[in-house]
Amino acid sequence: MPRNSKCKSVRILSPMATGNGAYIVHRTLESRLSGYEVVRYNPYRTLFPPFLYLLGRFRKTGLIHTTPDYGFFHARKNVPLVLTFHNYVLDRFMRDYSSVFQNIHYQADLKIFTKLALAKANGITAVSRFTADLVRQEMKLTNNIKIIYNGVDHTIFTPRKQGYKNQTNKFKVLFCGNLSRRKGAKWLLPIMDRLGENVTISYTSGLRISGALAEHSQLQCLGKVPYQRMPAVYQDADILLFPTVREGLPLAGLEAMACGLPVVASNCSAIPELIDEGKGGFLCPVGDVNAFAERINFLADSPKLRHEMGEYNRAKVEKMFTLDRMVKEYQDLFQEVLG
């Protein structure tokens, strides 16, 4: 990829907590943009945010690119600050899907930290229209928010080879993500109980939260899967199940689409910007386990439709959600801010 000379000559630091999709996006930028460096830290450091102030503080940089939640602590005098909203969970709707501790944290300090970071920002981006609109509404922002959709490396995340046959004759459903309320993990077992005997659900335990669900004969825990092994995990599945309640623009959805999988997901937040109802999969009301099970059973009996939906999703990724497009848009934004 051509690299802009202005960006190439300026060092960009990106302080990021590990264990989430945002970290993966920023690591991707690090691998594609000369001078871009991720300063990684354990998320437990956020228990005392002033500790974050020293992260990378003595490294010279011409621009800081991070997330809004703790961006205030990474900001420096006379250094441009670019913030990216990968999601937003501080609104009233998310209180029912967050723990008591999380709700206290969100309202008592995280919302304040976010507002302080926005006041210092020279550029603001969001990974979806939904997220941008929600941030404007919640933060009472008049600033321009540039939408930069996440991208996926469609040369690595590819459909399985033609002629591959599922030797077990099982219809394989895949769930990817932390086993949290926000991801809809609590609905996996109720959905499983409504599926046909030939249907199995395999699930990963996510990047941050470990553990497993209750045992079920048709449920398989894959544990924590290294990122480099994820293409094979998608290729071994028939569809992606995504019963989430809030997403910025999920990498799991993009990766599954790039691998030619239909997606059965919640009809909420930014998901409709990713999944086209009836073309790339099905969108169900949040928490409606009957609707999810009905769509999965239908696809289990519809191999031709699955193939058509998978091809549709692959083509959409190639058109709208490539890694090169995402990197170029961030590169252009950094150049604009530095200019």
C-alpha atoms as a PDB file:
ATOM      1  CA  MET A   1       0.000   0.000   0.000  1.00  0.00           C
ATOM      2  CA  PRO A   2       1.325   3.502  -0.838  1.00  0.00           C
ATOM      3  CA  ARG A   3       2.281   5.346   2.329  1.00  0.00           C
ATOM      4  CA  ASN A   4       1.726   9.056   2.672  1.00  0.00           C
ATOM      5  CA  SER A   5       5.025  10.891   3.164  1.00  0.00           C
ATOM      6  CA  LYS A   6       3.587  13.229   5.812  1.00  0.00           C
ATOM      7  CA  CYS A   7       2.313  10.276   7.909  1.00  0.00           C
ATOM      8  CA  LYS A   8       5.518   8.353   7.274  1.00  0.00           C
ATOM      9  CA  SER A   9       7.666  11.111   8.746  1.00  0.00           C
ATOM     10  CA  VAL A  10       5.523  11.580  11.846  1.00  0.00           C
ATOM     11  CA  ARG A  11       5.389   9.070  14.672  1.00  0.00           C
ATOM     12  CA  ILE A  12       1.879   8.149  15.806  1.00  0.00           C
ATOM     13  CA  LEU A  13       1.365   6.583  19.228  1.00  0.00           C
ATOM     14  CA  SER A  14      -1.755   4.568  20.011  1.00  0.00           C
ATOM     15  CA  PRO A  15      -2.194   3.680  23.710  1.00  0.00           C
ATOM     16  CA  MET A  16      -4.661   0.763  23.809  1.00  0.00           C
ATOM     17  CA  ALA A  17      -5.957  -1.731  26.351  1.00  0.00           C
ATOM     18  CA  THR A  18      -5.664  -5.339  25.184  1.00  0.00           C
ATOM     19  CA  GLY A  19      -8.400  -7.958  25.010  1.00  0.00           C
ATOM     20  CA  ASN A  20     -10.934  -6.370  22.654  1.00  0.00           C
ATOM     21  CA  GLY A  21     -11.708  -5.798  18.996  1.00  0.00           C
ATOM     22  CA  ALA A  22     -10.561  -2.164  19.104  1.00  0.00           C
ATOM     23  CA  TYR A  23      -7.077  -3.327  20.052  1.00  0.00           C
ATOM     24  CA  ILE A  24      -7.013  -5.626  17.000  1.00  0.00           C
ATOM     25  CA  VAL A  25      -8.000  -2.734  14.711  1.00  0.00           C
ATOM     26  CA  HIS A  26      -5.217  -0.512  16.078  1.00  0.00           C
ATOM     27  CA  ARG A  27      -2.689  -3.354  15.813  1.00  0.00           C
ATOM     28  CA  THR A  28      -3.706  -3.692  12.171  1.00  0.00           C
ATOM     29  CA  LEU A  29      -2.991   0.003  11.616  1.00  0.00           C
ATOM     30  CA  GLU A  30       0.388  -0.547  13.271  1.00  0.00           C
ATOM     31  CA  SER A  31       1.212  -3.293  10.776  1.00  0.00           C
ATOM     32  CA  ARG A  32       0.141  -1.206   7.781  1.00  0.00           C
ATOM     33  CA  LEU A  33       1.211   2.382   8.562  1.00  0.00           C
ATOM     34  CA  SER A  34       4.862   3.408   8.875  1.00  0.00           C
ATOM     35  CA  GLY A  35       5.515   5.235  12.136  1.00  0.00           C
ATOM     36  CA  TYR A  36       2.322   4.001  13.828  1.00  0.00           C
ATOM     37  CA  GLU A  37       2.974   2.282  17.173  1.00  0.00           C
ATOM     38  CA  VAL A  38       0.509   0.696  19.592  1.00  0.00           C
ATOM     39  CA  VAL A  39       1.378   1.165  23.265  1.00  0.00           C
ATOM     40  CA  ARG A  40      -0.439  -1.800  24.788  1.00  0.00           C
ATOM     41  CA  TYR A  41      -1.509  -2.096  28.399  1.00  0.00           C
ATOM     42  CA  ASN A  42      -3.471  -4.463  30.625  1.00  0.00           C
ATOM     43  CA  PRO A  43      -7.098  -3.321  31.005  1.00  0.00           C
ATOM     44  CA  TYR A  44      -6.786  -3.666  34.780  1.00  0.00           C
ATOM     45  CA  ARG A  45      -4.682  -0.517  34.701  1.00  0.00           C
ATOM     46  CA  THR A  46      -7.888   1.426  34.154  1.00  0.00           C
ATOM     47  CA  LEU A  47      -8.878   0.672  37.743  1.00  0.00           C
ATOM     48  CA  PHE A  48      -6.677   3.646  38.601  1.00  0.00           C
ATOM     49  CA  PRO A  49      -6.692   5.805  35.441  1.00  0.00           C
ATOM     50  CA  PRO A  50      -3.919   8.238  36.536  1.00  0.00           C
ATOM     51  CA  PHE A  51      -1.499   5.320  36.027  1.00  0.00           C
ATOM     52  CA  LEU A  52      -2.252   5.640  32.302  1.00  0.00           C
ATOM     53  CA  TYR A  53      -0.724   9.101  32.194  1.00  0.00           C
ATOM     54  CA  LEU A  54       2.827   7.733  32.016  1.00  0.00           C
ATOM     55  CA  LEU A  55       2.193   5.265  29.187  1.00  0.00           C
ATOM     56  CA  GLY A  56       4.497   6.227  26.346  1.00  0.00           C
ATOM     57  CA  ARG A  57       4.807   9.692  27.909  1.00  0.00           C
ATOM     58  CA  PHE A  58       8.539   9.949  27.239  1.00  0.00           C
ATOM     59  CA  ARG A  59       8.369   8.747  23.639  1.00  0.00           C
ATOM     60  CA  LYS A  60       8.359  11.485  21.041  1.00  0.00           C
ATOM     61  CA  THR A  61       5.247  11.587  18.890  1.00  0.00           C
ATOM     62  CA  GLY A  62       3.505  13.872  16.451  1.00  0.00           C
ATOM     63  CA  LEU A  63      -0.013  12.497  16.983  1.00  0.00           C
ATOM     64  CA  ILE A  64      -1.970  10.380  19.489  1.00  0.00           C
ATOM     65  CA  HIS A  65      -4.670   8.003  18.248  1.00  0.00           C
ATOM     66  CA  THR A  66      -6.711   6.169  20.862  1.00  0.00           C
ATOM     67  CA  THR A  67     -10.221   5.579  22.187  1.00  0.00           C
ATOM     68  CA  PRO A  68     -12.290   8.245  23.999  1.00  0.00           C
ATOM     69  CA  ASP A  69     -12.800   6.461  27.324  1.00  0.00           C
ATOM     70  CA  TYR A  70      -9.282   7.146  28.604  1.00  0.00           C
ATOM     71  CA  GLY A  71      -8.024   9.458  25.870  1.00  0.00           C
ATOM     72  CA  PHE A  72      -7.853  12.360  28.314  1.00  0.00           C
ATOM     73  CA  PHE A  73      -4.992  10.663  30.180  1.00  0.00           C
ATOM     74  CA  HIS A  74      -3.028  10.087  26.968  1.00  0.00           C
ATOM     75  CA  ALA A  75      -3.409  13.639  25.619  1.00  0.00           C
ATOM     76  CA  ARG A  76      -0.334  15.884  25.427  1.00  0.00           C
ATOM     77  CA  LYS A  77       0.103  19.589  25.060  1.00  0.00           C
ATOM     78  CA  ASN A  78       0.639  20.685  21.433  1.00  0.00           C
ATOM     79  CA  VAL A  79       0.186  17.119  20.127  1.00  0.00           C
ATOM     80  CA  PRO A  80      -2.927  16.430  18.002  1.00  0.00           C
ATOM     81  CA  LEU A  81      -5.356  13.881  19.478  1.00  0.00           C
ATOM     82  CA  VAL A  82      -7.559  11.653  17.311  1.00  0.00           C
ATOM     83  CA  LEU A  83     -10.253   9.585  19.030  1.00  0.00           C
ATOM     84  CA  THR A  84     -12.110   6.593  17.592  1.00  0.00           C
ATOM     85  CA  PHE A  85     -15.417   5.382  19.010  1.00  0.00           C
ATOM     86  CA  HIS A  86     -15.390   1.626  18.415  1.00  0.00           C
ATOM     87  CA  ASN A  87     -18.619   1.378  20.425  1.00  0.00           C
ATOM     88  CA  TYR A  88     -20.681   3.347  22.935  1.00  0.00           C
ATOM     89  CA  VAL A  89     -22.197   1.797  26.065  1.00  0.00           C
ATOM     90  CA  LEU A  90     -22.798   4.762  28.385  1.00  0.00           C
ATOM     91  CA  ASP A  91     -26.459   5.340  27.468  1.00  0.00           C
ATOM     92  CA  ARG A  92     -29.578   4.348  29.409  1.00  0.00           C
ATOM     93  CA  PHE A  93     -30.367   1.363  27.167  1.00  0.00           C
ATOM     94  CA  MET A  94     -27.163  -0.440  28.130  1.00  0.00           C
ATOM     95  CA  ARG A  95     -27.815  -0.275  31.880  1.00  0.00           C
ATOM     96  CA  ASP A  96     -29.972  -3.411  31.708  1.00  0.00           C
ATOM     97  CA  TYR A  97     -27.115  -5.313  30.058  1.00  0.00           C
ATOM     98  CA  SER A  98     -24.350  -4.169  32.402  1.00  0.00           C
ATOM     99  CA  SER A  99     -23.420  -5.185  35.927  1.00  0.00           C
ATOM    100  CA  VAL A 100     -23.994  -2.918  38.931  1.00  0.00           C
ATOM    101  CA  PHE A 101     -20.263  -2.184  39.077  1.00  0.00           C
ATOM    102  CA  GLN A 102     -20.163  -1.378  35.355  1.00  0.00           C
ATOM    103  CA  ASN A 103     -23.116   1.005  35.621  1.00  0.00           C
ATOM    104  CA  ILE A 104     -21.532   2.862  38.520  1.00  0.00           C
ATOM    105  CA  HIS A 105     -18.244   3.058  36.626  1.00  0.00           C
ATOM    106  CA  TYR A 106     -19.903   4.225  33.402  1.00  0.00           C
ATOM    107  CA  GLN A 107     -21.900   7.035  35.017  1.00  0.00           C
ATOM    108  CA  ALA A 108     -19.544   8.089  37.813  1.00  0.00           C
ATOM    109  CA  ASP A 109     -16.306   8.481  35.888  1.00  0.00           C
ATOM    110  CA  LEU A 110     -16.182   7.008  32.374  1.00  0.00           C
ATOM    111  CA  LYS A 111     -18.724   9.467  30.975  1.00  0.00           C
ATOM    112  CA  ILE A 112     -16.739  12.327  32.527  1.00  0.00           C
ATOM    113  CA  PHE A 113     -13.450  10.990  31.130  1.00  0.00           C
ATOM    114  CA  THR A 114     -15.030  10.703  27.677  1.00  0.00           C
ATOM    115  CA  LYS A 115     -16.265  14.299  27.727  1.00  0.00           C
ATOM    116  CA  LEU A 116     -12.840  15.531  28.852  1.00  0.00           C
ATOM    117  CA  ALA A 117     -11.171  13.614  26.003  1.00  0.00           C
ATOM    118  CA  LEU A 118     -13.606  14.992  23.432  1.00  0.00           C
ATOM    119  CA  ALA A 119     -12.824  18.523  24.574  1.00  0.00           C
ATOM    120  CA  LYS A 120      -9.164  17.931  23.668  1.00  0.00           C
ATOM    121  CA  ALA A 121      -9.741  16.041  20.404  1.00  0.00           C
ATOM    122  CA  ASN A 122      -8.523  17.354  17.052  1.00  0.00           C
ATOM    123  CA  GLY A 123     -10.336  14.604  15.182  1.00  0.00           C
ATOM    124  CA  ILE A 124     -13.151  12.202  16.043  1.00  0.00           C
ATOM    125  CA  THR A 125     -14.141   9.035  14.197  1.00  0.00           C
ATOM    126  CA  ALA A 126     -16.714   6.292  14.693  1.00  0.00           C
ATOM    127  CA  VAL A 127     -16.855   2.825  13.147  1.00  0.00           C
ATOM    128  CA  SER A 128     -20.520   3.074  12.100  1.00  0.00           C
ATOM    129  CA  ARG A 129     -23.302   5.591  11.426  1.00  0.00           C
ATOM    130  CA  PHE A 130     -25.231   4.245  14.408  1.00  0.00           C
ATOM    131  CA  THR A 131     -22.324   4.863  16.774  1.00  0.00           C
ATOM    132  CA  ALA A 132     -21.691   8.352  15.403  1.00  0.00           C
ATOM    133  CA  ASP A 133     -25.354   9.342  15.765  1.00  0.00           C
ATOM    134  CA  LEU A 134     -25.554   7.936  19.298  1.00  0.00           C
ATOM    135  CA  VAL A 135     -22.402   9.780  20.375  1.00  0.00           C
ATOM    136  CA  ARG A 136     -23.679  13.079  18.961  1.00  0.00           C
ATOM    137  CA  GLN A 137     -26.937  12.647  20.829  1.00  0.00           C
ATOM    138  CA  GLU A 138     -25.487  11.471  24.146  1.00  0.00           C
ATOM    139  CA  MET A 139     -22.480  13.793  24.258  1.00  0.00           C
ATOM    140  CA  LYS A 140     -24.352  16.789  22.780  1.00  0.00           C
ATOM    141  CA  LEU A 141     -21.623  17.076  20.156  1.00  0.00           C
ATOM    142  CA  THR A 142     -21.614  19.532  17.291  1.00  0.00           C
ATOM    143  CA  ASN A 143     -18.167  18.389  16.114  1.00  0.00           C
ATOM    144  CA  ASN A 144     -17.840  16.491  12.881  1.00  0.00           C
ATOM    145  CA  ILE A 145     -17.540  12.729  13.404  1.00  0.00           C
ATOM    146  CA  LYS A 146     -15.922  10.943  10.487  1.00  0.00           C
ATOM    147  CA  ILE A 147     -17.240   7.434   9.875  1.00  0.00           C
ATOM    148  CA  ILE A 148     -14.520   4.896   9.110  1.00  0.00           C
ATOM    149  CA  TYR A 149     -15.886   1.379   8.880  1.00  0.00           C
ATOM    150  CA  ASN A 150     -13.723  -1.415  10.213  1.00  0.00           C
ATOM    151  CA  GLY A 151     -12.027  -3.531   7.588  1.00  0.00           C
ATOM    152  CA  VAL A 152     -10.999  -7.168   7.348  1.00  0.00           C
ATOM    153  CA  ASP A 153      -8.139  -8.845   5.488  1.00  0.00           C
ATOM    154  CA  HIS A 154     -10.166 -10.734   2.905  1.00  0.00           C
ATOM    155  CA  THR A 155      -7.009 -12.420   1.592  1.00  0.00           C
ATOM    156  CA  ILE A 156      -6.712 -14.296   4.912  1.00  0.00           C
ATOM    157  CA  PHE A 157     -10.379 -14.617   5.852  1.00  0.00           C
ATOM    158  CA  THR A 158     -11.598 -16.533   2.813  1.00  0.00           C
ATOM    159  CA  PRO A 159     -14.372 -19.062   2.104  1.00  0.00           C
ATOM    160  CA  ARG A 160     -13.487 -22.719   2.565  1.00  0.00           C
ATOM    161  CA  LYS A 161     -12.276 -24.526  -0.512  1.00  0.00           C
ATOM    162  CA  GLN A 162     -14.834 -25.871  -2.919  1.00  0.00           C
ATOM    163  CA  GLY A 163     -15.647 -29.501  -2.406  1.00  0.00           C
ATOM    164  CA  TYR A 164     -15.183 -29.396   1.377  1.00  0.00           C
ATOM    165  CA  LYS A 165     -17.657 -31.759   3.035  1.00  0.00           C
ATOM    166  CA  ASN A 166     -18.749 -31.789   6.638  1.00  0.00           C
ATOM    167  CA  GLN A 167     -17.906 -35.375   7.554  1.00  0.00           C
ATOM    168  CA  THR A 168     -20.108 -35.362  10.662  1.00  0.00           C
ATOM    169  CA  ASN A 169     -23.247 -34.364   8.723  1.00  0.00           C
ATOM    170  CA  LYS A 170     -23.845 -31.831  11.460  1.00  0.00           C
ATOM    171  CA  PHE A 171     -24.988 -28.294  10.770  1.00  0.00           C
ATOM    172  CA  LYS A 172     -22.402 -26.140  12.527  1.00  0.00           C
ATOM    173  CA  VAL A 173     -23.342 -22.818  14.079  1.00  0.00           C
ATOM    174  CA  LEU A 174     -20.538 -20.574  15.368  1.00  0.00           C
ATOM    175  CA  PHE A 175     -20.666 -17.970  18.153  1.00  0.00           C
ATOM    176  CA  CYS A 176     -17.637 -15.665  18.589  1.00  0.00           C
ATOM    177  CA  GLY A 177     -17.144 -13.195  21.392  1.00  0.00           C
ATOM    178  CA  ASN A 178     -16.775 -12.681  25.114  1.00  0.00           C
ATOM    179  CA  LEU A 179     -19.343 -14.660  27.107  1.00  0.00           C
ATOM    180  CA  SER A 180     -21.008 -11.498  28.350  1.00  0.00           C
ATOM    181  CA  ARG A 181     -24.539 -10.136  28.564  1.00  0.00           C
ATOM    182  CA  ARG A 182     -23.730  -7.562  25.916  1.00  0.00           C
ATOM    183  CA  LYS A 183     -22.797 -10.312  23.457  1.00  0.00           C
ATOM    184  CA  GLY A 184     -26.007 -12.234  24.216  1.00  0.00           C
ATOM    185  CA  ALA A 185     -24.233 -15.306  25.602  1.00  0.00           C
ATOM    186  CA  LYS A 186     -27.080 -15.972  28.036  1.00  0.00           C
ATOM    187  CA  TRP A 187     -29.363 -16.806  25.099  1.00  0.00           C
ATOM    188  CA  LEU A 188     -27.151 -19.517  23.583  1.00  0.00           C
ATOM    189  CA  LEU A 189     -28.578 -22.377  25.671  1.00  0.00           C
ATOM    190  CA  PRO A 190     -32.257 -21.370  25.180  1.00  0.00           C
ATOM    191  CA  ILE A 191     -31.606 -21.118  21.440  1.00  0.00           C
ATOM    192  CA  MET A 192     -29.818 -24.489  21.472  1.00  0.00           C
ATOM    193  CA  ASP A 193     -32.823 -26.153  23.126  1.00  0.00           C
ATOM    194  CA  ARG A 194     -34.982 -25.107  20.151  1.00  0.00           C
ATOM    195  CA  LEU A 195     -32.685 -26.354  17.383  1.00  0.00           C
ATOM    196  CA  GLY A 196     -32.852 -29.578  15.422  1.00  0.00           C
ATOM    197  CA  GLU A 197     -30.855 -32.626  16.518  1.00  0.00           C
ATOM    198  CA  ASN A 198     -28.445 -32.215  13.599  1.00  0.00           C
ATOM    199  CA  VAL A 199     -27.490 -28.668  14.674  1.00  0.00           C
ATOM    200  CA  THR A 200     -24.521 -27.905  16.942  1.00  0.00           C
ATOM    201  CA  ILE A 201     -23.231 -24.612  18.322  1.00  0.00           C
ATOM    202  CA  SER A 202     -19.507 -24.089  18.764  1.00  0.00           C
ATOM    203  CA  TYR A 203     -18.442 -21.031  20.722  1.00  0.00           C
ATOM    204  CA  THR A 204     -15.239 -19.252  21.588  1.00  0.00           C
ATOM    205  CA  SER A 205     -14.714 -17.726  25.006  1.00  0.00           C
ATOM    206  CA  GLY A 206     -13.582 -14.393  23.596  1.00  0.00           C
ATOM    207  CA  LEU A 207     -10.500 -12.236  23.996  1.00  0.00           C
ATOM    208  CA  ARG A 208     -10.990 -11.231  27.605  1.00  0.00           C
ATOM    209  CA  ILE A 209     -13.577 -13.309  29.476  1.00  0.00           C
ATOM    210  CA  SER A 210     -12.695 -16.959  30.083  1.00  0.00           C
ATOM    211  CA  GLY A 211     -14.920 -19.816  31.155  1.00  0.00           C
ATOM    212  CA  ALA A 212     -17.627 -21.906  29.556  1.00  0.00           C
ATOM    213  CA  LEU A 213     -21.383 -22.281  29.448  1.00  0.00           C
ATOM    214  CA  ALA A 214     -23.319 -25.116  31.028  1.00  0.00           C
ATOM    215  CA  GLU A 215     -22.779 -28.467  29.341  1.00  0.00           C
ATOM    216  CA  HIS A 216     -25.073 -29.505  26.499  1.00  0.00           C
ATOM    217  CA  SER A 217     -24.722 -32.412  24.088  1.00  0.00           C
ATOM    218  CA  GLN A 218     -24.997 -30.057  21.089  1.00  0.00           C
ATOM    219  CA  LEU A 219     -22.813 -27.294  22.513  1.00  0.00           C
ATOM    220  CA  GLN A 220     -19.015 -27.222  22.113  1.00  0.00           C
ATOM    221  CA  CYS A 221     -16.611 -24.791  23.799  1.00  0.00           C
ATOM    222  CA  LEU A 222     -13.586 -23.939  21.644  1.00  0.00           C
ATOM    223  CA  GLY A 223     -11.964 -21.882  24.400  1.00  0.00           C
ATOM    224  CA  LYS A 224      -9.712 -18.953  23.585  1.00  0.00           C
ATOM    225  CA  VAL A 225      -8.709 -19.283  19.944  1.00  0.00           C
ATOM    226  CA  PRO A 226      -5.542 -17.471  18.738  1.00  0.00           C
ATOM    227  CA  TYR A 227      -6.422 -14.840  16.156  1.00  0.00           C
ATOM    228  CA  GLN A 228      -4.315 -16.492  13.448  1.00  0.00           C
ATOM    229  CA  ARG A 229      -6.451 -19.639  13.781  1.00  0.00           C
ATOM    230  CA  MET A 230      -9.771 -17.852  13.388  1.00  0.00           C
ATOM    231  CA  PRO A 231     -10.028 -18.183   9.575  1.00  0.00           C
ATOM    232  CA  ALA A 232     -10.053 -21.990   9.971  1.00  0.00           C
ATOM    233  CA  VAL A 233     -12.715 -21.726  12.697  1.00  0.00           C
ATOM    234  CA  TYR A 234     -15.013 -19.750  10.400  1.00  0.00           C
ATOM    235  CA  GLN A 235     -14.315 -22.076   7.481  1.00  0.00           C
ATOM    236  CA  ASP A 236     -15.396 -25.053   9.592  1.00  0.00           C
ATOM    237  CA  ALA A 237     -18.773 -23.431  10.341  1.00  0.00           C
ATOM    238  CA  ASP A 238     -21.962 -23.135   8.300  1.00  0.00           C
ATOM    239  CA  ILE A 239     -23.327 -19.877   9.760  1.00  0.00           C
ATOM    240  CA  LEU A 240     -22.453 -17.253  12.377  1.00  0.00           C
ATOM    241  CA  LEU A 241     -24.838 -16.675  15.297  1.00  0.00           C
ATOM    242  CA  PHE A 242     -24.616 -13.145  16.713  1.00  0.00           C
ATOM    243  CA  PRO A 243     -27.306 -12.426  19.371  1.00  0.00           C
ATOM    244  CA  THR A 244     -25.630  -9.216  20.579  1.00  0.00           C
ATOM    245  CA  VAL A 245     -27.365  -6.200  22.111  1.00  0.00           C
ATOM    246  CA  ARG A 246     -24.874  -3.470  21.109  1.00  0.00           C
ATOM    247  CA  GLU A 247     -22.066  -3.289  18.572  1.00  0.00           C
ATOM    248  CA  GLY A 248     -19.986  -0.573  16.982  1.00  0.00           C
ATOM    249  CA  LEU A 249     -19.089  -2.622  13.900  1.00  0.00           C
ATOM    250  CA  PRO A 250     -18.143  -6.176  14.938  1.00  0.00           C
ATOM    251  CA  LEU A 251     -15.020  -7.790  13.546  1.00  0.00           C
ATOM    252  CA  ALA A 252     -16.572 -11.235  14.042  1.00  0.00           C
ATOM    253  CA  GLY A 253     -19.364 -10.316  11.648  1.00  0.00           C
ATOM    254  CA  LEU A 254     -16.936  -8.983   9.054  1.00  0.00           C
ATOM    255  CA  GLU A 255     -14.647 -11.998   9.329  1.00  0.00           C
ATOM    256  CA  ALA A 256     -17.547 -14.439   8.988  1.00  0.00           C
ATOM    257  CA  MET A 257     -18.869 -12.562   5.958  1.00  0.00           C
ATOM    258  CA  ALA A 258     -15.412 -12.595   4.346  1.00  0.00           C
ATOM    259  CA  CYS A 259     -15.349 -16.373   4.886  1.00  0.00           C
ATOM    260  CA  GLY A 260     -18.642 -16.691   3.013  1.00  0.00           C
ATOM    261  CA  LEU A 261     -20.948 -17.388   5.964  1.00  0.00           C
ATOM    262  CA  PRO A 262     -24.547 -16.254   6.368  1.00  0.00           C
ATOM    263  CA  VAL A 263     -25.163 -14.427   9.657  1.00  0.00           C
ATOM    264  CA  VAL A 264     -28.147 -14.670  12.010  1.00  0.00           C
ATOM    265  CA  ALA A 265     -27.895 -11.612  14.237  1.00  0.00           C
ATOM    266  CA  SER A 266     -29.801  -9.188  16.429  1.00  0.00           C
ATOM    267  CA  ASN A 267     -31.576  -6.355  14.666  1.00  0.00           C
ATOM    268  CA  CYS A 268     -29.911  -3.619  16.689  1.00  0.00           C
ATOM    269  CA  SER A 269     -27.252  -0.904  16.777  1.00  0.00           C
ATOM    270  CA  ALA A 270     -24.899  -1.085  13.770  1.00  0.00           C
ATOM    271  CA  ILE A 271     -25.760  -4.658  12.725  1.00  0.00           C
ATOM    272  CA  PRO A 272     -28.135  -3.572   9.894  1.00  0.00           C
ATOM    273  CA  GLU A 273     -25.242  -1.583   8.388  1.00  0.00           C
ATOM    274  CA  LEU A 274     -23.399  -4.881   8.092  1.00  0.00           C
ATOM    275  CA  ILE A 275     -26.035  -7.555   7.460  1.00  0.00           C
ATOM    276  CA  ASP A 276     -28.659  -7.066   4.763  1.00  0.00           C
ATOM    277  CA  GLU A 277     -31.865  -8.802   5.882  1.00  0.00           C
ATOM    278  CA  GLY A 278     -32.785 -11.733   3.653  1.00  0.00           C
ATOM    279  CA  LYS A 279     -29.679 -11.287   1.487  1.00  0.00           C
ATOM    280  CA  GLY A 280     -26.707 -11.877   3.779  1.00  0.00           C
ATOM    281  CA  GLY A 281     -28.596 -13.468   6.637  1.00  0.00           C
ATOM    282  CA  PHE A 282     -31.457 -12.751   9.024  1.00  0.00           C
ATOM    283  CA  LEU A 283     -31.996 -10.079  11.678  1.00  0.00           C
ATOM    284  CA  CYS A 284     -33.975 -11.035  14.789  1.00  0.00           C
ATOM    285  CA  PRO A 285     -35.422  -8.968  17.653  1.00  0.00           C
ATOM    286  CA  VAL A 286     -32.974  -8.691  20.558  1.00  0.00           C
ATOM    287  CA  GLY A 287     -33.353 -11.676  22.892  1.00  0.00           C
ATOM    288  CA  ASP A 288     -36.055 -13.408  20.821  1.00  0.00           C
ATOM    289  CA  VAL A 289     -34.725 -16.962  21.131  1.00  0.00           C
ATOM    290  CA  ASN A 290     -37.643 -18.394  19.133  1.00  0.00           C
ATOM    291  CA  ALA A 291     -36.868 -16.146  16.176  1.00  0.00           C
ATOM    292  CA  PHE A 292     -33.159 -17.021  16.285  1.00  0.00           C
ATOM    293  CA  ALA A 293     -33.899 -20.751  16.453  1.00  0.00           C
ATOM    294  CA  GLU A 294     -36.447 -20.545  13.641  1.00  0.00           C
ATOM    295  CA  ARG A 295     -33.991 -18.794  11.298  1.00  0.00           C
ATOM    296  CA  ILE A 296     -31.171 -21.208  12.153  1.00  0.00           C
ATOM    297  CA  ASN A 297     -33.350 -24.280  11.574  1.00  0.00           C
ATOM    298  CA  PHE A 298     -34.524 -22.775   8.287  1.00  0.00           C
ATOM    299  CA  LEU A 299     -30.953 -22.235   7.076  1.00  0.00           C
ATOM    300  CA  ALA A 300     -29.988 -25.739   8.215  1.00  0.00           C
ATOM    301  CA  ASP A 301     -32.516 -27.059   5.694  1.00  0.00           C
ATOM    302  CA  SER A 302     -31.599 -24.562   2.934  1.00  0.00           C
ATOM    303  CA  PRO A 303     -28.104 -25.267   1.546  1.00  0.00           C
ATOM    304  CA  LYS A 304     -28.736 -23.298  -1.671  1.00  0.00           C
ATOM    305  CA  LEU A 305     -29.829 -20.207   0.265  1.00  0.00           C
ATOM    306  CA  ARG A 306     -26.826 -20.515   2.571  1.00  0.00           C
ATOM    307  CA  HIS A 307     -24.526 -20.557  -0.426  1.00  0.00           C
ATOM    308  CA  GLU A 308     -26.204 -17.524  -1.983  1.00  0.00           C
ATOM    309  CA  MET A 309     -26.083 -15.568   1.265  1.00  0.00           C
ATOM    310  CA  GLY A 310     -22.441 -16.469   1.781  1.00  0.00           C
ATOM    311  CA  GLU A 311     -21.526 -15.270  -1.700  1.00  0.00           C
ATOM    312  CA  TYR A 312     -23.480 -12.059  -1.121  1.00  0.00           C
ATOM    313  CA  ASN A 313     -21.616 -11.384   2.129  1.00  0.00           C
ATOM    314  CA  ARG A 314     -18.234 -12.092   0.583  1.00  0.00           C
ATOM    315  CA  ALA A 315     -18.965  -9.664  -2.256  1.00  0.00           C
ATOM    316  CA  LYS A 316     -20.119  -6.978   0.202  1.00  0.00           C
ATOM    317  CA  VAL A 317     -16.887  -7.266   2.172  1.00  0.00           C
ATOM    318  CA  GLU A 318     -14.824  -6.959  -0.999  1.00  0.00           C
ATOM    319  CA  LYS A 319     -16.795  -3.849  -1.945  1.00  0.00           C
ATOM    320  CA  MET A 320     -17.162  -2.012   1.379  1.00  0.00           C
ATOM    321  CA  PHE A 321     -15.103  -3.505   4.198  1.00  0.00           C
ATOM    322  CA  THR A 322     -11.588  -4.176   2.953  1.00  0.00           C
ATOM    323  CA  LEU A 323      -8.548  -3.571   5.107  1.00  0.00           C
ATOM    324  CA  ASP A 324      -6.907  -1.394   2.455  1.00  0.00           C
ATOM    325  CA  ARG A 325      -9.912   0.955   2.422  1.00  0.00           C
ATOM    326  CA  MET A 326      -9.933   1.281   6.222  1.00  0.00           C
ATOM    327  CA  VAL A 327      -6.194   1.947   6.454  1.00  0.00           C
ATOM    328  CA  LYS A 328      -6.331   4.521   3.638  1.00  0.00           C
ATOM    329  CA  GLU A 329      -9.160   6.433   5.348  1.00  0.00           C
ATOM    330  CA  TYR A 330      -7.280   6.592   8.652  1.00  0.00           C
ATOM    331  CA  GLN A 331      -4.144   7.602   6.783  1.00  0.00           C
ATOM    332  CA  ASP A 332      -5.999  10.447   5.060  1.00  0.00           C
ATOM    333  CA  LEU A 333      -7.491  11.596   8.373  1.00  0.00           C
ATOM    334  CA  PHE A 334      -4.094  11.646  10.098  1.00  0.00           C
ATOM    335  CA  GLN A 335      -2.683  13.677   7.219  1.00  0.00           C
ATOM    336  CA  GLU A 336      -5.581  16.121   7.447  1.00  0.00           C
ATOM    337  CA  VAL A 337      -5.127  16.580  11.216  1.00  0.00           C
ATOM    338  CA  LEU A 338      -1.361  16.946  10.880  1.00  0.00           C
ATOM    339  CA  GLY A 339      -1.827  19.447   8.084  1.00  0.00           C
END
